[in-house]
Structures are given as C-alpha cells and as structure tokens.
Amino acid sequence: MGDTVDDITIIRSGTTLRDPEAWNLQYDDEEHRGWEQFLRTYSLATVTLVKTDGMHILIDTAWEPSEARVNRLVLELKYHELTPDDIDEIFVTHWHGDHFLNIPLFSKARVFYAGCPARSIKNRMTQMNAENETIKLREGEDWHSGLSIIDTAGHSDHDHSVLINYRNKVFVAAGDSIVSKMYYHTESFFPNQRMEKHLTQLMDSFHRIIDIADFIIPGHDGPFYNYKKGIH
C-alpha cells in the first residue's frame, strides 16, 4: 500500500434517527418506522468517494426506497460532476441492504468485499440482477495507494472498515461498526439481533477503530474528529 490517496469526498453523509437515547428510553421501533416512512426520513448509509491510483472508488453505495421517483445518489454524484459510469470500484463494508442496494447503478464497477463466502456474494448480486465482477479482499492484502481494510466484525459477522491515509491523517470509513457520532460518544451499538451475544466483539472492533483513526467516517452520519484516540 502506498502512502496516501489523492482525495476524499463525502458523497452522502448518512442519516439515522435511531440513536442510543431512543433505545435507552425503549422507543417504539414499529411506531418509529411508520413515521420514518411517512416523513421520508429513511436511514441512509454514508457514501464516501476516494480517488487514488487514477481510480474513483466508492465505499458503500447506500440504497433508495422503491417508491422514489429519482435516485438521490445519482443526483449527489452529479453535484460532484460524476456519473455512475465514472465509478471504477466499490467496497462494501458489510452486506446489509442499506449499504449496498444501489450497486446496480454502477454496472462498470468492480465490487470488492471481505469476510463473506464468494457464493453468498454471488447470490446477492444475482438477486439484484447485477453482473459486476466481484473480488474478495483480506486484511493485510495490498489494494490501492493509501487504502487498506481491517476486520471490525460485530454488527455483522463480516464487517470490515476501510483505512484511508490522506494528508498525514488516517480516516476510517467504519460502516456500522460505528453508526454515528452519538453512538461513538456513548460507546453504544445498533441493537440488531447480534448485539447482545457479540457485545465483546463489538467493543473490540470499536476500540480497534479509535486506536487507529484520526477521523471517523461512520455508517450513518458525517465524519468527525476522533477525540478518544489514545485515551481509553
């Protein structure tokens, strides 16, 4: 891996209304989801663009509700003077639909992943009618200048975060290993089916990220400074 990438752009700062305070108050998830749909305030994953080695690489693609008339990611790319055909590669931090269901927009891009069996990924691609080339990465393998991945499982059994070296700083695109700044503040984790049984794994991945990152790009929020580095 080389020393640095050429540029980082946050194409979409992700959103979530499901922060820890709501769960601690036993907020009614069914009611929340109903209002979320009514108000069109969907939980949307962060999408990060990295330029390196002459390539445009997306970290996660997010998704679009089926009733949407216009795909917002296309508009967000257009704002940065890009089209889906300009994207050379995609890395999926984990295979939950809100992080990958826009892959069919990018028919020319190679799709990189980690931690999953190849057969499982091929099945997911077939279900989306996507014919992209898929390539499995492993922690420690060379990828591109300034880019590498680390295993941060917990939220799923295969989460991987992307380390991005840029301007002498380390940015970590954490996927849902760190969902948002509020989850980071409270050292909390999204309460999916794995959380209670894998809390130690979640915490280990959390600390692995904050030991490395100068800045964190969370799965459903904008990037922020890692003030916990070196103090836990």
Protein backbone atom coordinates (compact mmCIF):
# COMPACT_ATOMS: atom_id res chain seq x y z
CA MET A 1 0.00 0.00 0.00
CA GLY A 2 1.26 3.45 -0.90
CA ASP A 3 1.37 6.41 1.43
CA THR A 4 -1.70 8.41 0.56
CA VAL A 5 -4.83 8.72 -1.53
CA ASP A 6 -5.33 11.73 -3.78
CA ASP A 7 -8.67 12.90 -2.38
CA ILE A 8 -11.67 12.01 -0.20
CA THR A 9 -15.20 13.27 -0.81
CA ILE A 10 -18.26 12.51 1.28
CA ILE A 11 -20.87 12.00 -1.42
CA ARG A 12 -23.57 11.40 1.18
CA SER A 13 -23.45 11.98 4.92
CA GLY A 14 -25.66 9.17 6.14
CA THR A 15 -28.68 9.58 8.37
CA THR A 16 -30.27 7.70 11.24
CA LEU A 17 -32.92 8.64 13.78
CA ARG A 18 -32.23 5.57 15.90
CA ASP A 19 -29.63 6.88 18.30
CA PRO A 20 -28.88 5.36 21.71
CA GLU A 21 -31.09 7.68 23.76
CA ALA A 22 -34.12 6.42 21.87
CA TRP A 23 -33.26 2.81 22.58
CA ASN A 24 -32.46 3.52 26.24
CA LEU A 25 -35.94 5.01 26.59
CA GLN A 26 -37.37 1.87 24.91
CA TYR A 27 -38.61 3.89 21.99
CA ASP A 28 -41.29 2.06 19.99
CA ASP A 29 -39.49 0.86 16.87
CA GLU A 30 -42.65 -0.06 14.99
CA GLU A 31 -44.11 3.40 15.52
CA HIS A 32 -40.79 4.99 14.62
CA ARG A 33 -40.57 3.10 11.35
CA GLY A 34 -44.11 4.14 10.45
CA TRP A 35 -43.34 7.83 10.94
CA GLU A 36 -39.98 7.44 9.25
CA GLN A 37 -41.72 6.14 6.14
CA PHE A 38 -44.43 8.82 6.29
CA LEU A 39 -41.89 11.65 6.63
CA ARG A 40 -39.43 10.12 4.13
CA THR A 41 -36.68 10.27 6.76
CA TYR A 42 -35.16 6.94 5.86
CA SER A 43 -31.97 5.68 7.44
CA LEU A 44 -29.46 6.17 4.62
CA ALA A 45 -25.89 4.93 4.71
CA THR A 46 -22.89 7.17 4.26
CA VAL A 47 -21.28 7.04 0.80
CA THR A 48 -17.61 8.00 0.53
CA LEU A 49 -15.63 8.60 -2.66
CA VAL A 50 -11.87 8.02 -2.67
CA LYS A 51 -9.61 8.98 -5.57
CA THR A 52 -6.36 7.05 -5.80
CA ASP A 53 -4.22 5.40 -8.46
CA GLY A 54 -6.29 7.16 -11.12
CA MET A 55 -9.49 5.49 -9.92
CA HIS A 56 -12.79 6.57 -8.39
CA ILE A 57 -13.69 4.21 -5.54
CA LEU A 58 -16.94 4.26 -3.56
CA ILE A 59 -17.13 2.93 -0.04
CA ASP A 60 -20.71 1.65 0.23
CA THR A 61 -23.48 2.69 -2.16
CA ALA A 62 -26.47 3.10 0.19
CA TRP A 63 -29.94 2.33 -1.17
CA GLU A 64 -33.06 4.04 -2.45
CA PRO A 65 -36.67 3.41 -1.35
CA SER A 66 -38.66 1.58 -4.02
CA GLU A 67 -41.20 4.39 -4.29
CA ALA A 68 -38.55 7.02 -5.03
CA ARG A 69 -39.02 8.68 -8.41
CA VAL A 70 -35.41 9.83 -8.66
CA ASN A 71 -32.37 8.09 -7.22
CA ARG A 72 -30.81 10.62 -4.89
CA LEU A 73 -27.36 9.08 -5.15
CA VAL A 74 -27.31 9.86 -8.87
CA LEU A 75 -28.10 13.48 -8.04
CA GLU A 76 -25.45 13.56 -5.32
CA LEU A 77 -22.85 12.25 -7.74
CA LYS A 78 -23.96 14.79 -10.33
CA TYR A 79 -23.35 17.56 -7.80
CA HIS A 80 -19.72 16.42 -7.80
CA GLU A 81 -19.69 16.27 -11.60
CA LEU A 82 -19.74 12.48 -11.67
CA THR A 83 -21.99 9.81 -13.15
CA PRO A 84 -22.31 6.16 -12.08
CA ASP A 85 -20.14 5.21 -15.07
CA ASP A 86 -17.25 7.21 -13.57
CA ILE A 87 -17.01 4.81 -10.63
CA ASP A 88 -14.32 2.18 -11.11
CA GLU A 89 -14.61 0.21 -7.87
CA ILE A 90 -16.89 -0.25 -4.88
CA PHE A 91 -16.07 -1.61 -1.45
CA VAL A 92 -18.98 -2.87 0.66
CA THR A 93 -18.30 -2.57 4.39
CA HIS A 94 -20.98 -5.17 5.18
CA TRP A 95 -23.85 -6.78 3.34
CA HIS A 96 -26.88 -5.16 4.91
CA GLY A 97 -29.14 -3.78 2.22
CA ASP A 98 -28.95 -0.15 3.25
CA HIS A 99 -25.22 -0.25 2.42
CA PHE A 100 -25.22 -1.98 -0.96
CA LEU A 101 -28.56 -1.98 -2.76
CA ASN A 102 -27.52 0.81 -5.15
CA ILE A 103 -24.84 -1.43 -6.70
CA PRO A 104 -26.90 -1.96 -9.89
CA LEU A 105 -26.38 1.73 -10.71
CA PHE A 106 -22.68 1.01 -11.23
CA SER A 107 -22.59 -1.63 -13.95
CA LYS A 108 -18.95 -0.88 -14.88
CA ALA A 109 -17.54 -1.03 -11.35
CA ARG A 110 -15.73 -3.94 -9.78
CA VAL A 111 -17.20 -4.82 -6.36
CA PHE A 112 -14.79 -5.60 -3.53
CA TYR A 113 -15.82 -7.25 -0.28
CA ALA A 114 -14.35 -9.07 2.69
CA GLY A 115 -15.35 -11.66 5.27
CA CYS A 116 -18.08 -13.40 3.24
CA PRO A 117 -18.08 -16.60 1.19
CA ALA A 118 -17.89 -15.91 -2.55
CA ARG A 119 -21.05 -17.96 -3.12
CA SER A 120 -23.02 -15.75 -0.76
CA ILE A 121 -21.93 -12.60 -2.57
CA LYS A 122 -22.71 -14.07 -5.99
CA ASN A 123 -26.21 -14.93 -4.76
CA ARG A 124 -26.76 -11.37 -3.56
CA MET A 125 -25.55 -9.97 -6.86
CA THR A 126 -27.85 -12.31 -8.79
CA GLN A 127 -30.81 -11.23 -6.67
CA MET A 128 -30.08 -7.62 -7.70
CA ASN A 129 -29.60 -8.56 -11.36
CA ALA A 130 -26.09 -7.14 -11.08
CA GLU A 131 -23.33 -8.65 -13.21
CA ASN A 132 -20.37 -6.77 -11.72
CA GLU A 133 -17.08 -8.54 -11.24
CA THR A 134 -16.66 -9.34 -7.53
CA ILE A 135 -13.30 -9.59 -5.77
CA LYS A 136 -12.64 -10.71 -2.22
CA LEU A 137 -10.13 -8.80 -0.10
CA ARG A 138 -8.50 -9.84 3.14
CA GLU A 139 -6.96 -7.74 5.85
CA GLY A 140 -3.27 -7.22 5.10
CA GLU A 141 -3.58 -7.61 1.33
CA ASP A 142 -2.43 -4.80 -0.95
CA TRP A 143 -5.29 -2.90 -2.54
CA HIS A 144 -4.56 0.67 -3.63
CA SER A 145 -2.25 3.51 -2.65
CA GLY A 146 -3.38 4.83 0.73
CA LEU A 147 -6.12 2.21 1.18
CA SER A 148 -6.35 -0.90 3.32
CA ILE A 149 -9.03 -2.79 5.23
CA ILE A 150 -9.34 -4.15 8.76
CA ASP A 151 -11.73 -6.68 10.25
CA THR A 152 -14.26 -4.92 12.51
CA ALA A 153 -16.90 -7.63 12.85
CA GLY A 154 -19.66 -7.41 15.43
CA HIS A 155 -22.57 -5.57 13.82
CA SER A 156 -22.43 -8.45 11.34
CA ASP A 157 -20.09 -11.41 11.24
CA HIS A 158 -18.16 -9.88 8.33
CA ASP A 159 -17.88 -6.09 8.85
CA HIS A 160 -14.68 -4.55 7.53
CA SER A 161 -13.63 -0.92 7.81
CA VAL A 162 -11.51 0.98 5.30
CA LEU A 163 -8.37 2.83 6.37
CA ILE A 164 -7.70 5.87 4.21
CA ASN A 165 -4.36 7.66 4.51
CA TYR A 166 -4.75 11.28 3.43
CA ARG A 167 -2.66 14.36 4.24
CA ASN A 168 -0.79 12.57 7.04
CA LYS A 169 -4.04 11.60 8.75
CA VAL A 170 -5.89 8.30 8.96
CA PHE A 171 -9.56 8.38 8.08
CA VAL A 172 -11.53 5.23 8.89
CA ALA A 173 -14.73 4.50 6.98
CA ALA A 174 -16.26 2.40 9.73
CA GLY A 175 -19.53 1.21 8.24
CA ASP A 176 -21.88 0.29 11.07
CA SER A 177 -19.08 -0.68 13.43
CA ILE A 178 -19.58 2.96 14.44
CA VAL A 179 -23.04 4.03 13.30
CA SER A 180 -22.98 7.73 14.12
CA LYS A 181 -21.27 10.34 16.24
CA MET A 182 -23.79 9.79 19.02
CA TYR A 183 -23.09 6.06 19.09
CA TYR A 184 -19.39 6.95 19.31
CA HIS A 185 -19.96 9.41 22.17
CA THR A 186 -21.92 6.87 24.21
CA GLU A 187 -19.94 3.78 23.12
CA SER A 188 -23.22 2.18 22.12
CA PHE A 189 -24.10 -0.18 19.29
CA PHE A 190 -27.05 -0.52 16.99
CA PRO A 191 -29.38 -3.04 18.67
CA ASN A 192 -29.69 -5.65 15.96
CA GLN A 193 -30.01 -9.39 16.60
CA ARG A 194 -26.25 -9.82 17.14
CA MET A 195 -25.67 -7.11 19.72
CA GLU A 196 -26.33 -8.93 22.99
CA LYS A 197 -24.42 -12.08 22.04
CA HIS A 198 -21.47 -10.26 20.47
CA LEU A 199 -21.04 -7.22 22.70
CA THR A 200 -17.37 -8.06 23.41
CA GLN A 201 -16.66 -8.35 19.68
CA LEU A 202 -18.46 -5.07 19.01
CA MET A 203 -16.44 -3.30 21.70
CA ASP A 204 -13.18 -4.80 20.45
CA SER A 205 -13.90 -3.54 16.91
CA PHE A 206 -14.90 -0.14 18.27
CA HIS A 207 -11.60 0.21 20.14
CA ARG A 208 -9.65 -1.07 17.17
CA ILE A 209 -11.04 1.79 15.10
CA ILE A 210 -10.47 4.52 17.67
CA ASP A 211 -6.90 3.31 18.27
CA ILE A 212 -6.15 3.93 14.57
CA ALA A 213 -8.36 6.75 13.32
CA ASP A 214 -7.67 10.45 13.38
CA PHE A 215 -11.08 10.99 11.79
CA ILE A 216 -14.02 8.59 11.64
CA ILE A 217 -16.49 8.30 8.78
CA PRO A 218 -19.43 6.49 10.40
CA GLY A 219 -22.04 4.35 8.69
CA HIS A 220 -24.92 6.80 9.12
CA ASP A 221 -23.52 10.26 9.83
CA GLY A 222 -20.95 12.79 8.71
CA PRO A 223 -17.22 12.47 9.51
CA PHE A 224 -15.86 13.64 12.83
CA TYR A 225 -12.63 14.02 14.78
CA ASN A 226 -11.69 11.03 16.94
CA TYR A 227 -11.10 12.69 20.29
CA LYS A 228 -10.88 9.29 22.05
CA LYS A 229 -7.74 8.18 20.28
CA GLY A 230 -5.12 7.15 22.80
CA ILE A 231 -7.19 7.89 25.91
CA HIS A 232 -9.30 4.78 26.51
